[in-house]
């Protein structure tokens, strides 16, 4: 669930920033939110570029192994667990992930120019 929440934050964060600016949600331009979102996608893209396995994936695999869950057993787990796993892990050549995360990261950077973040002081004005 934690892994899915991080993925949802990274993917959904950009959608919230874009939609939120059109419907005048001030919080989507809060500097803390924007910095956290930018850092998250920067880490994901860097991991892809350098071929590093996501620490959350490593943690999940380790926790599953400690609980005795095998890869085959993951396919027969609960409905929610099954779909969370299917949404998070899919097979493609590594370059596909590098391109996808890089393009997404560039869109996040572009959003900084289209919808600049605001500090707490400027957000109150």
N, C-alpha and C. Protein backbone atom coordinates (compact mmCIF):
# COMPACT_ATOMS: atom_id res chain seq x y z
N UNK A 1 0.83 -1.19 0.00
CA UNK A 1 0.00 0.00 0.00
C UNK A 1 0.88 1.25 0.00
N UNK A 2 1.97 1.24 0.76
CA UNK A 2 2.87 2.39 0.80
C UNK A 2 3.47 2.65 -0.58
N UNK A 3 3.90 1.60 -1.22
CA UNK A 3 4.49 1.71 -2.55
C UNK A 3 3.46 2.30 -3.52
N UNK A 4 2.24 1.81 -3.48
CA UNK A 4 1.18 2.32 -4.34
C UNK A 4 0.90 3.79 -4.04
N UNK A 5 0.92 4.18 -2.76
CA UNK A 5 0.67 5.57 -2.38
C UNK A 5 1.74 6.50 -2.95
N UNK A 6 2.99 6.06 -2.94
CA UNK A 6 4.07 6.88 -3.50
C UNK A 6 3.88 7.02 -5.01
N UNK A 7 3.56 5.93 -5.68
CA UNK A 7 3.32 5.98 -7.13
C UNK A 7 2.13 6.90 -7.43
N UNK A 8 1.07 6.79 -6.65
CA UNK A 8 -0.10 7.64 -6.85
C UNK A 8 0.25 9.11 -6.63
N UNK A 9 1.09 9.40 -5.64
CA UNK A 9 1.51 10.78 -5.39
C UNK A 9 2.29 11.32 -6.58
N UNK A 10 3.23 10.53 -7.09
CA UNK A 10 4.04 11.00 -8.21
C UNK A 10 3.17 11.19 -9.46
N UNK A 11 2.38 10.20 -9.79
CA UNK A 11 1.56 10.28 -11.00
C UNK A 11 0.41 11.27 -10.83
N UNK A 12 -0.29 11.19 -9.72
CA UNK A 12 -1.43 12.06 -9.49
C UNK A 12 -1.05 13.48 -9.15
N UNK A 13 0.15 13.67 -8.61
CA UNK A 13 0.58 15.01 -8.23
C UNK A 13 0.57 15.98 -9.40
N UNK A 14 1.07 15.55 -10.55
CA UNK A 14 1.09 16.42 -11.72
C UNK A 14 -0.33 16.74 -12.18
N UNK A 15 -1.20 15.75 -12.15
CA UNK A 15 -2.60 15.98 -12.53
C UNK A 15 -3.24 17.00 -11.59
N UNK A 16 -2.97 16.86 -10.28
CA UNK A 16 -3.51 17.82 -9.32
C UNK A 16 -2.97 19.22 -9.56
N UNK A 17 -1.70 19.33 -9.90
CA UNK A 17 -1.10 20.63 -10.15
C UNK A 17 -1.78 21.30 -11.35
N UNK A 18 -1.95 20.56 -12.41
CA UNK A 18 -2.55 21.14 -13.62
C UNK A 18 -4.02 21.46 -13.39
N UNK A 19 -4.79 20.49 -12.94
CA UNK A 19 -6.22 20.71 -12.71
C UNK A 19 -6.42 21.76 -11.62
N UNK A 20 -5.65 21.67 -10.54
CA UNK A 20 -5.79 22.60 -9.44
C UNK A 20 -5.56 24.04 -9.83
N UNK A 21 -4.67 24.29 -10.78
CA UNK A 21 -4.46 25.66 -11.22
C UNK A 21 -5.63 26.18 -12.04
N UNK A 22 -6.30 25.32 -12.76
CA UNK A 22 -7.46 25.75 -13.53
C UNK A 22 -8.69 25.99 -12.66
N UNK A 23 -8.78 25.26 -11.55
CA UNK A 23 -9.93 25.45 -10.65
C UNK A 23 -9.56 26.24 -9.39
N UNK A 24 -8.35 26.82 -9.40
CA UNK A 24 -7.89 27.74 -8.36
C UNK A 24 -7.73 27.11 -6.98
N UNK A 25 -7.17 25.91 -6.95
CA UNK A 25 -6.80 25.31 -5.67
C UNK A 25 -5.43 25.86 -5.30
N UNK A 26 -5.33 26.64 -4.27
CA UNK A 26 -4.07 27.27 -3.89
C UNK A 26 -3.03 26.26 -3.41
N UNK A 27 -3.46 25.20 -2.75
CA UNK A 27 -2.52 24.25 -2.15
C UNK A 27 -1.65 23.55 -3.18
N UNK A 28 -2.09 23.44 -4.43
CA UNK A 28 -1.29 22.72 -5.44
C UNK A 28 -0.04 23.49 -5.82
N UNK A 29 0.03 24.76 -5.46
CA UNK A 29 1.22 25.56 -5.74
C UNK A 29 2.04 25.84 -4.49
N UNK A 30 1.68 25.20 -3.40
CA UNK A 30 2.47 25.37 -2.17
C UNK A 30 3.89 24.85 -2.43
N UNK A 31 4.85 25.63 -2.02
CA UNK A 31 6.25 25.28 -2.30
C UNK A 31 6.62 23.92 -1.73
N UNK A 32 6.17 23.59 -0.54
CA UNK A 32 6.51 22.30 0.08
C UNK A 32 5.97 21.14 -0.76
N UNK A 33 4.74 21.28 -1.29
CA UNK A 33 4.13 20.24 -2.12
C UNK A 33 4.90 20.07 -3.42
N UNK A 34 5.21 21.19 -4.05
CA UNK A 34 5.89 21.15 -5.34
C UNK A 34 7.31 20.60 -5.21
N UNK A 35 8.02 21.00 -4.14
CA UNK A 35 9.37 20.47 -3.93
C UNK A 35 9.35 18.97 -3.66
N UNK A 36 8.41 18.52 -2.86
CA UNK A 36 8.28 17.10 -2.56
C UNK A 36 7.95 16.31 -3.83
N UNK A 37 7.07 16.85 -4.65
CA UNK A 37 6.69 16.18 -5.90
C UNK A 37 7.87 16.13 -6.86
N UNK A 38 8.57 17.23 -7.01
CA UNK A 38 9.74 17.27 -7.90
C UNK A 38 10.82 16.30 -7.42
N UNK A 39 11.07 16.28 -6.12
CA UNK A 39 12.07 15.35 -5.58
C UNK A 39 11.67 13.90 -5.84
N UNK A 40 10.41 13.59 -5.69
CA UNK A 40 9.94 12.21 -5.89
C UNK A 40 10.19 11.75 -7.32
N UNK A 41 9.81 12.56 -8.31
CA UNK A 41 10.00 12.12 -9.70
C UNK A 41 11.49 12.17 -10.06
N UNK A 42 12.25 13.08 -9.47
CA UNK A 42 13.69 13.12 -9.74
C UNK A 42 14.37 11.84 -9.25
N UNK A 43 13.96 11.36 -8.09
CA UNK A 43 14.52 10.11 -7.56
C UNK A 43 14.14 8.93 -8.45
N UNK A 44 12.89 8.87 -8.86
CA UNK A 44 12.42 7.77 -9.72
C UNK A 44 13.18 7.78 -11.05
N UNK A 45 13.32 8.96 -11.66
CA UNK A 45 14.03 9.05 -12.95
C UNK A 45 15.50 8.68 -12.78
N UNK A 46 16.13 9.15 -11.71
CA UNK A 46 17.54 8.83 -11.46
C UNK A 46 17.73 7.33 -11.28
N UNK A 47 16.82 6.70 -10.55
CA UNK A 47 16.90 5.25 -10.38
C UNK A 47 16.84 4.54 -11.72
N UNK A 48 15.97 5.00 -12.60
CA UNK A 48 15.85 4.38 -13.93
C UNK A 48 17.12 4.61 -14.75
N UNK A 49 17.62 5.83 -14.74
CA UNK A 49 18.83 6.15 -15.51
C UNK A 49 20.03 5.32 -15.05
N UNK A 50 20.15 5.13 -13.74
CA UNK A 50 21.32 4.42 -13.22
C UNK A 50 21.07 2.93 -12.97
N UNK A 51 19.89 2.45 -13.33
CA UNK A 51 19.60 1.03 -13.18
C UNK A 51 19.48 0.57 -11.75
N UNK A 52 19.05 1.45 -10.88
CA UNK A 52 18.91 1.13 -9.46
C UNK A 52 17.50 0.64 -9.19
N UNK A 53 17.37 -0.43 -8.48
CA UNK A 53 16.06 -0.93 -8.09
C UNK A 53 15.49 -0.01 -7.02
N UNK A 54 14.22 0.31 -7.17
CA UNK A 54 13.54 1.18 -6.20
C UNK A 54 13.65 0.58 -4.80
N UNK A 55 14.04 1.40 -3.81
CA UNK A 55 14.14 0.88 -2.44
C UNK A 55 12.80 0.34 -1.93
N UNK A 56 11.69 0.90 -2.39
CA UNK A 56 10.39 0.37 -1.95
C UNK A 56 10.14 -1.02 -2.53
N UNK A 57 10.60 -1.25 -3.75
CA UNK A 57 10.49 -2.59 -4.34
C UNK A 57 11.35 -3.57 -3.56
N UNK A 58 12.57 -3.16 -3.25
CA UNK A 58 13.47 -4.01 -2.47
C UNK A 58 12.88 -4.32 -1.10
N UNK A 59 12.34 -3.31 -0.45
CA UNK A 59 11.71 -3.50 0.86
C UNK A 59 10.51 -4.44 0.75
N UNK A 60 9.69 -4.25 -0.28
CA UNK A 60 8.53 -5.12 -0.45
C UNK A 60 8.94 -6.57 -0.65
N UNK A 61 9.92 -6.81 -1.50
CA UNK A 61 10.39 -8.17 -1.75
C UNK A 61 10.95 -8.78 -0.46
N UNK A 62 11.73 -7.99 0.29
CA UNK A 62 12.30 -8.49 1.53
C UNK A 62 11.21 -8.82 2.55
N UNK A 63 10.22 -7.93 2.69
CA UNK A 63 9.13 -8.19 3.64
C UNK A 63 8.33 -9.42 3.24
N UNK A 64 8.08 -9.56 1.95
CA UNK A 64 7.34 -10.74 1.48
C UNK A 64 8.14 -12.02 1.74
N UNK A 65 9.45 -11.96 1.53
CA UNK A 65 10.26 -13.16 1.77
C UNK A 65 10.28 -13.51 3.25
N UNK A 66 10.31 -12.51 4.11
CA UNK A 66 10.29 -12.75 5.56
C UNK A 66 8.96 -13.35 6.01
N UNK A 67 7.90 -13.03 5.28
CA UNK A 67 6.59 -13.57 5.66
C UNK A 67 6.33 -14.92 4.99
N UNK A 68 7.27 -15.36 4.15
CA UNK A 68 7.13 -16.65 3.50
C UNK A 68 6.32 -16.63 2.22
N UNK A 69 6.03 -15.44 1.69
CA UNK A 69 5.26 -15.34 0.45
C UNK A 69 6.19 -15.52 -0.73
N UNK A 70 5.86 -16.45 -1.61
CA UNK A 70 6.65 -16.68 -2.82
C UNK A 70 6.05 -15.89 -3.98
N UNK A 71 6.81 -15.79 -5.06
CA UNK A 71 6.31 -15.07 -6.24
C UNK A 71 5.04 -15.73 -6.77
N UNK A 72 4.99 -17.05 -6.76
CA UNK A 72 3.80 -17.75 -7.23
C UNK A 72 2.61 -17.47 -6.32
N UNK A 73 2.86 -17.38 -5.01
CA UNK A 73 1.77 -17.12 -4.07
C UNK A 73 1.21 -15.71 -4.23
N UNK A 74 2.05 -14.77 -4.71
CA UNK A 74 1.57 -13.40 -4.91
C UNK A 74 0.43 -13.34 -5.91
N UNK A 75 0.44 -14.23 -6.89
CA UNK A 75 -0.62 -14.23 -7.89
C UNK A 75 -1.94 -14.72 -7.32
N UNK A 76 -1.90 -15.45 -6.21
CA UNK A 76 -3.12 -16.00 -5.60
C UNK A 76 -3.52 -15.26 -4.33
N UNK A 77 -3.00 -14.04 -4.13
CA UNK A 77 -3.29 -13.32 -2.91
C UNK A 77 -4.65 -12.64 -2.99
N UNK A 78 -4.91 -11.75 -2.07
CA UNK A 78 -6.21 -11.07 -2.00
C UNK A 78 -6.47 -10.25 -3.25
N UNK A 79 -7.71 -9.89 -3.46
CA UNK A 79 -8.13 -9.08 -4.60
C UNK A 79 -7.34 -7.77 -4.64
N UNK A 80 -7.30 -7.07 -3.52
CA UNK A 80 -6.61 -5.78 -3.47
C UNK A 80 -5.12 -5.97 -3.70
N UNK A 81 -4.52 -6.94 -3.03
CA UNK A 81 -3.10 -7.21 -3.20
C UNK A 81 -2.76 -7.58 -4.64
N UNK A 82 -3.60 -8.37 -5.25
CA UNK A 82 -3.39 -8.78 -6.64
C UNK A 82 -3.35 -7.57 -7.56
N UNK A 83 -4.35 -6.69 -7.44
CA UNK A 83 -4.43 -5.55 -8.35
C UNK A 83 -3.38 -4.49 -8.04
N UNK A 84 -3.04 -4.30 -6.78
CA UNK A 84 -1.96 -3.36 -6.47
C UNK A 84 -0.65 -3.85 -7.10
N UNK A 85 -0.40 -5.14 -6.99
CA UNK A 85 0.80 -5.71 -7.58
C UNK A 85 0.78 -5.58 -9.10
N UNK A 86 -0.35 -5.83 -9.72
CA UNK A 86 -0.47 -5.73 -11.18
C UNK A 86 -0.28 -4.30 -11.67
N UNK A 87 -0.75 -3.33 -10.89
CA UNK A 87 -0.61 -1.93 -11.28
C UNK A 87 0.82 -1.42 -11.11
N UNK A 88 1.53 -1.95 -10.14
CA UNK A 88 2.88 -1.45 -9.85
C UNK A 88 3.97 -2.11 -10.68
N UNK A 89 3.84 -3.37 -10.98
CA UNK A 89 4.92 -4.11 -11.62
C UNK A 89 4.48 -4.65 -12.97
N UNK A 90 5.17 -4.22 -13.98
CA UNK A 90 4.91 -4.73 -15.31
C UNK A 90 6.23 -4.87 -16.05
N UNK A 91 6.22 -5.70 -17.08
CA UNK A 91 7.46 -6.01 -17.80
C UNK A 91 7.60 -5.15 -19.04
N UNK A 92 8.76 -4.58 -19.19
CA UNK A 92 9.13 -3.82 -20.39
C UNK A 92 10.65 -3.68 -20.35
N UNK A 93 11.25 -3.42 -21.50
CA UNK A 93 12.70 -3.21 -21.49
C UNK A 93 13.05 -1.98 -20.63
N UNK A 94 14.21 -1.98 -20.00
CA UNK A 94 14.59 -0.86 -19.12
C UNK A 94 14.51 0.51 -19.79
N UNK A 95 14.83 0.59 -21.09
CA UNK A 95 14.82 1.89 -21.75
C UNK A 95 13.42 2.51 -21.77
N UNK A 96 12.39 1.68 -21.74
CA UNK A 96 11.01 2.20 -21.73
C UNK A 96 10.77 2.99 -20.44
N UNK A 97 11.25 2.46 -19.33
CA UNK A 97 11.08 3.15 -18.05
C UNK A 97 11.91 4.43 -17.99
N UNK A 98 13.12 4.36 -18.54
CA UNK A 98 13.98 5.55 -18.57
C UNK A 98 13.29 6.67 -19.35
N UNK A 99 12.78 6.35 -20.51
CA UNK A 99 12.10 7.34 -21.35
C UNK A 99 10.84 7.86 -20.65
N UNK A 100 10.02 6.95 -20.14
CA UNK A 100 8.76 7.36 -19.51
C UNK A 100 9.00 8.25 -18.30
N UNK A 101 9.91 7.87 -17.42
CA UNK A 101 10.17 8.67 -16.22
C UNK A 101 10.84 10.00 -16.56
N UNK A 102 11.70 9.99 -17.58
CA UNK A 102 12.35 11.24 -17.99
C UNK A 102 11.34 12.21 -18.58
N UNK A 103 10.48 11.73 -19.45
CA UNK A 103 9.45 12.59 -20.04
C UNK A 103 8.52 13.12 -18.95
N UNK A 104 8.13 12.26 -18.05
CA UNK A 104 7.26 12.69 -16.96
C UNK A 104 7.97 13.75 -16.10
N UNK A 105 9.23 13.53 -15.80
CA UNK A 105 10.02 14.50 -15.04
C UNK A 105 10.11 15.83 -15.75
N UNK A 106 10.29 15.80 -17.07
CA UNK A 106 10.32 17.05 -17.84
C UNK A 106 8.98 17.77 -17.80
N UNK A 107 7.89 17.01 -17.79
CA UNK A 107 6.56 17.63 -17.66
C UNK A 107 6.39 18.29 -16.28
N UNK A 108 6.93 17.66 -15.25
CA UNK A 108 6.88 18.24 -13.91
C UNK A 108 7.67 19.55 -13.88
N UNK A 109 8.83 19.55 -14.52
CA UNK A 109 9.64 20.77 -14.58
C UNK A 109 8.91 21.85 -15.38
N UNK A 110 8.29 21.47 -16.48
CA UNK A 110 7.53 22.43 -17.28
C UNK A 110 6.40 23.05 -16.46
N UNK A 111 5.79 22.25 -15.61
CA UNK A 111 4.71 22.76 -14.75
C UNK A 111 5.21 23.84 -13.81
N UNK A 112 6.49 23.79 -13.43
CA UNK A 112 7.08 24.85 -12.58
C UNK A 112 7.05 26.18 -13.32
N UNK A 113 7.22 26.16 -14.64
CA UNK A 113 7.21 27.40 -15.41
C UNK A 113 5.78 27.84 -15.73
N UNK A 114 4.91 26.89 -16.07
CA UNK A 114 3.53 27.24 -16.38
C UNK A 114 2.74 27.66 -15.15
N UNK A 115 2.98 26.95 -14.06
CA UNK A 115 2.27 27.20 -12.80
C UNK A 115 3.30 27.29 -11.68
N UNK A 116 3.97 28.43 -11.54
CA UNK A 116 5.06 28.53 -10.56
C UNK A 116 4.58 28.27 -9.13
N UNK A 117 5.40 27.57 -8.35
CA UNK A 117 5.05 27.36 -6.94
C UNK A 117 5.14 28.68 -6.19
N UNK A 118 4.45 28.74 -5.08
CA UNK A 118 4.45 29.95 -4.26
C UNK A 118 4.88 29.60 -2.85
N UNK A 119 5.66 30.49 -2.28
CA UNK A 119 6.02 30.31 -0.87
C UNK A 119 4.79 30.63 -0.03
N UNK A 120 4.85 30.30 1.25
CA UNK A 120 3.72 30.57 2.14
C UNK A 120 3.37 32.04 2.18
N UNK A 121 4.37 32.89 2.11
CA UNK A 121 4.13 34.34 2.16
C UNK A 121 3.38 34.82 0.94
N UNK A 122 3.83 34.38 -0.25
CA UNK A 122 3.16 34.85 -1.47
C UNK A 122 1.82 34.19 -1.67
N UNK A 123 1.60 33.01 -1.11
CA UNK A 123 0.32 32.32 -1.24
C UNK A 123 -0.78 33.03 -0.45
N UNK A 124 -0.40 33.76 0.60
CA UNK A 124 -1.38 34.44 1.43
C UNK A 124 -1.85 35.74 0.81
N UNK A 125 -1.12 36.26 -0.16
CA UNK A 125 -1.47 37.53 -0.78
C UNK A 125 -2.64 37.42 -1.72
